[in-house]
Amino acid sequence: MEFASIYSNFGSEVTVFDYGTEFMPREDEEISKEILKVLTEKGIDIKLGSKIKAVINNPDESVNTYFDSVTGEEKEHQSDVVLIATGIKPNTEGLNLSAAGVEVTPRSAVKVDEYLKTNIPNICTMGDVVGGYQFTYISLDDYRIVRSQLLDSDDKRSTKLRKNVPFSLFIDPAYSRVGLNEKEAKEQGYDVKIALIQTSAIPKAQVINETKGILKAVIDAKTNKILGAMLFCAESYEVINVIKLAMDAGLPYTFLRDQVYTHPTMTESLNDLFSV
């Protein structure tokens, strides 16, 4: 979706074929619908329920044959370039780990404990080969954990100390999330209240003329603590870190609501988002 958004902004005609019948099914339904709406309005053609049958690479164009589950028909689509997005896995095949006796998981990641130690004494690993969250900032924290082991410091970091790991999807506008969405929170038995505002209500969004999107937060109605937040707006990748800090500190949502923020900034949207 990031590359779809990038090339659409470059002026390319972009078509996304997704074999799933739901768009971004792991995300909050309200957010997913808004993202789909905005990307479609930008001209990105997202074909859900499309199972790719074959891709033929001709000299002048590529022909993509797919099964459309909506119509039940097999169709063809011509394009200049095809990007095949099949996900990622740890790149461990060339490390010859078996020679050292290092165990791996069924998904080819190096098997480690909470201190990133393998089953072989004095061998630790970090970064994407560990699997799980494959983000640059997780690799940085991996380094901190391994460093504390090597230096035998009092700061015994571990992966269990990670509380709320945010992530950002760099589409346009960016989508950032931390914690539970509404459905997940309810499934875990929380009595929730929902905070929601449109991006267009944020003064900074009007200033920079980026008014598409919505901001949503899930709050524990009993404790007033923030369970999660989903921000589909400009600069969401910055604002999400503020919410993550409040969640890690166990602060009530009112702490963010009542803060004095600089103006005009996207962060000041927290005053309005948490006015519930």
Protein backbone atom coordinates (compact mmCIF):
# COMPACT_ATOMS: atom_id res chain seq x y z
CA MET A 1 0.00 0.00 0.00
CA GLU A 2 2.94 2.34 0.62
CA PHE A 3 4.24 1.85 -2.92
CA ALA A 4 0.73 2.19 -4.30
CA SER A 5 0.42 5.54 -2.55
CA ILE A 6 3.90 6.67 -3.63
CA TYR A 7 3.40 5.92 -7.31
CA SER A 8 -0.09 7.38 -7.31
CA ASN A 9 1.42 10.63 -6.01
CA PHE A 10 3.97 10.44 -8.84
CA GLY A 11 1.05 10.44 -11.27
CA SER A 12 0.97 6.76 -12.16
CA GLU A 13 -2.26 4.87 -12.62
CA VAL A 14 -2.18 2.27 -9.86
CA THR A 15 -4.24 -0.88 -9.47
CA VAL A 16 -3.97 -3.03 -6.34
CA PHE A 17 -5.06 -6.67 -6.49
CA ASP A 18 -5.87 -8.11 -3.08
CA TYR A 19 -6.99 -11.72 -2.70
CA GLY A 20 -8.76 -10.79 0.57
CA THR A 21 -12.35 -9.66 0.51
CA GLU A 22 -11.78 -7.18 3.36
CA PHE A 23 -9.45 -4.21 3.10
CA MET A 24 -6.82 -4.16 5.89
CA PRO A 25 -8.79 -6.69 7.97
CA ARG A 26 -6.45 -6.54 10.97
CA GLU A 27 -7.14 -2.85 11.46
CA ASP A 28 -10.11 -1.07 13.00
CA GLU A 29 -13.07 -1.35 10.63
CA GLU A 30 -13.87 2.36 10.82
CA ILE A 31 -10.26 3.27 10.03
CA SER A 32 -9.95 0.71 7.22
CA LYS A 33 -13.05 2.08 5.50
CA GLU A 34 -11.71 5.62 5.71
CA ILE A 35 -8.30 4.61 4.31
CA LEU A 36 -9.98 2.75 1.44
CA LYS A 37 -12.19 5.76 0.74
CA VAL A 38 -9.28 8.23 0.68
CA LEU A 39 -7.00 6.05 -1.46
CA THR A 40 -9.83 5.38 -3.90
CA GLU A 41 -10.53 9.10 -4.16
CA LYS A 42 -6.85 9.57 -5.03
CA GLY A 43 -7.39 7.32 -8.03
CA ILE A 44 -5.96 4.05 -6.71
CA ASP A 45 -8.08 1.17 -8.01
CA ILE A 46 -8.23 -1.46 -5.25
CA LYS A 47 -9.69 -4.76 -6.42
CA LEU A 48 -10.61 -6.91 -3.44
CA GLY A 49 -11.21 -10.63 -3.80
CA SER A 50 -8.84 -10.88 -6.76
CA LYS A 51 -6.80 -14.06 -7.01
CA ILE A 52 -3.84 -13.79 -9.36
CA LYS A 53 -3.72 -16.67 -11.84
CA ALA A 54 -0.69 -15.67 -13.94
CA VAL A 55 1.56 -12.75 -14.89
CA ILE A 56 2.97 -12.71 -18.43
CA ASN A 57 5.87 -10.32 -18.98
CA ASN A 58 5.74 -9.16 -22.60
CA PRO A 59 8.32 -6.80 -24.19
CA ASP A 60 6.02 -3.77 -24.01
CA GLU A 61 3.71 -4.61 -21.14
CA SER A 62 2.80 -7.15 -18.50
CA VAL A 63 -0.50 -8.98 -18.66
CA ASN A 64 -1.97 -9.96 -15.35
CA THR A 65 -4.64 -12.67 -15.34
CA TYR A 66 -6.81 -12.79 -12.22
CA PHE A 67 -9.99 -14.34 -10.90
CA ASP A 68 -12.55 -11.79 -9.77
CA SER A 69 -14.49 -13.35 -6.88
CA VAL A 70 -17.11 -10.60 -7.09
CA THR A 71 -18.18 -11.44 -10.66
CA GLY A 72 -16.88 -15.01 -10.69
CA GLU A 73 -15.03 -14.30 -13.93
CA GLU A 74 -11.43 -14.59 -15.06
CA LYS A 75 -10.11 -11.25 -16.29
CA GLU A 76 -6.97 -9.66 -17.70
CA HIS A 77 -5.23 -6.42 -16.76
CA GLN A 78 -2.42 -4.71 -18.67
CA SER A 79 0.31 -2.75 -16.89
CA ASP A 80 3.80 -1.34 -17.41
CA VAL A 81 5.21 -2.61 -14.13
CA VAL A 82 4.12 -5.26 -11.64
CA LEU A 83 5.07 -5.18 -7.96
CA ILE A 84 4.54 -8.50 -6.20
CA ALA A 85 4.09 -7.99 -2.46
CA THR A 86 4.24 -11.37 -0.71
CA GLY A 87 5.37 -10.26 2.74
CA ILE A 88 8.74 -10.64 4.39
CA LYS A 89 10.63 -13.30 6.27
CA PRO A 90 13.99 -13.34 8.10
CA ASN A 91 16.93 -13.58 5.70
CA THR A 92 18.79 -16.41 7.44
CA GLU A 93 19.31 -18.91 4.64
CA GLY A 94 22.89 -17.82 3.92
CA LEU A 95 24.06 -17.75 7.55
CA ASN A 96 24.70 -21.52 7.79
CA LEU A 97 23.19 -21.54 11.27
CA SER A 98 22.97 -25.33 11.36
CA ALA A 99 26.78 -25.52 11.34
CA ALA A 100 26.81 -23.66 14.65
CA GLY A 101 23.83 -25.58 16.00
CA VAL A 102 21.68 -22.45 16.26
CA GLU A 103 17.97 -23.24 16.33
CA VAL A 104 15.47 -21.46 14.10
CA THR A 105 11.69 -21.13 14.22
CA PRO A 106 9.31 -22.66 11.65
CA ARG A 107 9.31 -19.24 9.91
CA SER A 108 13.12 -19.26 9.53
CA ALA A 109 13.76 -16.72 12.30
CA VAL A 110 16.57 -17.27 14.79
CA LYS A 111 15.07 -18.69 17.98
CA VAL A 112 15.95 -16.48 20.96
CA ASP A 113 14.86 -15.86 24.53
CA GLU A 114 13.78 -12.53 26.01
CA TYR A 115 17.43 -11.46 26.19
CA LEU A 116 18.00 -12.30 22.50
CA LYS A 117 20.20 -15.26 23.41
CA THR A 118 20.13 -18.31 21.17
CA ASN A 119 20.36 -21.92 22.33
CA ILE A 120 24.15 -21.72 21.92
CA PRO A 121 26.06 -19.99 24.76
CA ASN A 122 27.66 -16.67 23.82
CA ILE A 123 25.63 -16.33 20.60
CA CYS A 124 23.05 -13.56 20.55
CA THR A 125 21.20 -12.13 17.60
CA MET A 126 19.25 -8.98 16.84
CA GLY A 127 17.40 -7.22 14.09
CA ASP A 128 15.09 -8.61 11.43
CA VAL A 129 16.48 -12.15 11.67
CA VAL A 130 14.79 -12.46 15.07
CA GLY A 131 11.37 -12.18 13.42
CA GLY A 132 8.41 -10.51 15.10
CA TYR A 133 8.30 -6.74 14.64
CA GLN A 134 10.71 -6.06 11.76
CA PHE A 135 11.16 -2.34 12.26
CA THR A 136 14.30 -0.19 12.44
CA TYR A 137 13.44 1.04 15.92
CA ILE A 138 13.03 -2.53 17.18
CA SER A 139 16.54 -3.29 15.91
CA LEU A 140 17.77 -0.31 17.92
CA ASP A 141 16.15 -1.70 21.06
CA ASP A 142 17.60 -5.13 20.23
CA TYR A 143 21.02 -3.50 20.29
CA ARG A 144 20.35 -2.09 23.75
CA ILE A 145 19.39 -5.55 25.00
CA VAL A 146 22.47 -7.26 23.56
CA ARG A 147 24.74 -4.46 24.77
CA SER A 148 23.50 -4.90 28.34
CA GLN A 149 24.36 -8.62 28.11
CA LEU A 150 27.84 -8.04 26.70
CA LEU A 151 28.77 -5.35 29.19
CA ASP A 152 27.15 -7.16 32.12
CA SER A 153 25.53 -3.91 33.14
CA ASP A 154 22.90 -3.49 35.83
CA ASP A 155 20.47 -2.46 33.12
CA LYS A 156 19.22 -5.91 32.15
CA ARG A 157 16.97 -5.04 29.29
CA SER A 158 14.72 -7.64 27.70
CA THR A 159 12.00 -7.86 25.08
CA LYS A 160 9.45 -8.24 27.89
CA LEU A 161 10.07 -4.62 28.88
CA ARG A 162 8.59 -3.40 25.61
CA LYS A 163 5.12 -2.18 26.41
CA ASN A 164 3.33 -0.55 23.52
CA VAL A 165 5.08 -0.74 20.17
CA PRO A 166 3.65 1.71 17.63
CA PHE A 167 3.92 1.39 13.88
CA SER A 168 3.31 3.64 10.90
CA LEU A 169 2.16 2.88 7.39
CA PHE A 170 3.58 5.55 5.12
CA ILE A 171 0.68 6.02 2.77
CA ASP A 172 -0.71 9.50 2.08
CA PRO A 173 -1.80 10.59 4.61
CA ALA A 174 0.14 8.34 6.96
CA TYR A 175 -1.57 5.80 9.18
CA SER A 176 -0.14 5.13 12.64
CA ARG A 177 -1.34 2.84 15.37
CA VAL A 178 -0.48 1.73 18.88
CA GLY A 179 -2.25 -0.73 21.17
CA LEU A 180 -5.71 -2.26 20.76
CA ASN A 181 -8.38 -1.30 18.28
CA GLU A 182 -12.05 -1.18 19.27
CA LYS A 183 -12.86 -4.76 18.29
CA GLU A 184 -9.80 -6.21 20.03
CA ALA A 185 -10.51 -4.27 23.22
CA LYS A 186 -14.10 -5.49 23.38
CA GLU A 187 -13.01 -9.07 22.69
CA GLN A 188 -10.67 -8.80 25.69
CA GLY A 189 -13.59 -7.79 27.89
CA TYR A 190 -12.96 -4.07 28.24
CA ASP A 191 -15.80 -1.63 28.70
CA VAL A 192 -14.66 1.03 26.27
CA LYS A 193 -15.45 4.56 25.28
CA ILE A 194 -14.37 5.85 21.90
CA ALA A 195 -12.70 9.14 21.05
CA LEU A 196 -13.03 10.23 17.42
CA ILE A 197 -12.41 13.37 15.38
CA GLN A 198 -12.07 14.20 11.71
CA THR A 199 -8.68 15.39 10.52
CA SER A 200 -10.40 18.40 8.97
CA ALA A 201 -11.14 19.67 12.50
CA ILE A 202 -7.43 20.16 13.22
CA PRO A 203 -6.16 23.72 12.57
CA LYS A 204 -2.72 22.55 11.38
CA ALA A 205 -4.37 20.20 8.87
CA GLN A 206 -6.17 23.20 7.39
CA VAL A 207 -2.93 25.21 7.31
CA ILE A 208 -1.04 22.54 5.35
CA ASN A 209 -4.13 21.63 3.31
CA GLU A 210 -4.07 17.97 4.33
CA THR A 211 -7.53 17.47 5.74
CA LYS A 212 -8.25 13.85 4.80
CA GLY A 213 -8.56 11.16 7.45
CA ILE A 214 -9.76 10.52 10.98
CA LEU A 215 -8.24 10.03 14.44
CA LYS A 216 -9.59 7.42 16.84
CA ALA A 217 -8.67 6.29 20.34
CA VAL A 218 -9.96 3.47 22.52
CA ILE A 219 -10.25 4.18 26.26
CA ASP A 220 -10.91 1.90 29.21
CA ALA A 221 -14.13 3.35 30.61
CA LYS A 222 -13.33 2.09 34.12
CA THR A 223 -9.77 3.37 34.50
CA ASN A 224 -9.67 6.14 31.86
CA LYS A 225 -6.41 4.67 30.55
CA ILE A 226 -5.76 4.61 26.82
CA LEU A 227 -5.97 1.13 25.33
CA GLY A 228 -5.03 2.08 21.79
CA ALA A 229 -5.01 4.77 19.14
CA MET A 230 -5.34 4.80 15.36
CA LEU A 231 -4.36 8.00 13.59
CA PHE A 232 -4.97 8.39 9.86
CA CYS A 233 -3.73 11.90 9.25
CA ALA A 234 -0.75 13.99 8.28
CA GLU A 235 2.21 13.63 10.68
CA SER A 236 0.51 10.76 12.52
CA TYR A 237 3.94 9.12 12.82
CA GLU A 238 4.96 11.91 15.20
CA VAL A 239 1.75 12.23 17.22
CA ILE A 240 1.50 8.48 17.88
CA ASN A 241 4.70 8.60 19.94
CA VAL A 242 3.10 11.04 22.39
CA ILE A 243 0.18 8.68 22.92
CA LYS A 244 2.57 5.73 23.32
CA LEU A 245 4.42 7.56 26.12
CA ALA A 246 1.15 8.24 27.96
CA MET A 247 0.16 4.58 27.62
CA ASP A 248 3.54 3.35 28.87
CA ALA A 249 3.30 5.65 31.87
CA GLY A 250 -0.22 4.47 32.67
CA LEU A 251 -1.62 7.98 32.45
CA PRO A 252 -5.34 8.65 31.99
CA TYR A 253 -6.47 10.08 28.67
CA THR A 254 -7.31 13.33 30.47
CA PHE A 255 -3.59 13.97 30.89
CA LEU A 256 -3.22 14.38 27.13
CA ARG A 257 -6.55 16.19 26.86
CA ASP A 258 -5.50 18.89 29.32
CA GLN A 259 -1.96 19.53 28.07
CA VAL A 260 -0.95 22.86 26.52
CA TYR A 261 0.49 22.23 23.06
CA THR A 262 2.13 24.60 20.61
CA HIS A 263 -0.06 25.98 17.83
CA PRO A 264 -0.52 25.20 15.03
CA THR A 265 0.64 21.59 15.30
CA MET A 266 -0.89 18.21 14.67
CA THR A 267 -0.15 17.30 18.30
CA GLU A 268 -2.66 19.83 19.59
CA SER A 269 -5.32 17.61 18.04
CA LEU A 270 -5.02 15.56 21.24
CA ASN A 271 -6.89 18.33 23.08
CA ASP A 272 -9.92 17.71 20.89
CA LEU A 273 -9.53 13.97 20.30
CA PHE A 274 -9.66 13.21 24.02
CA SER A 275 -12.52 15.59 24.81
CA VAL A 276 -14.87 12.73 25.62
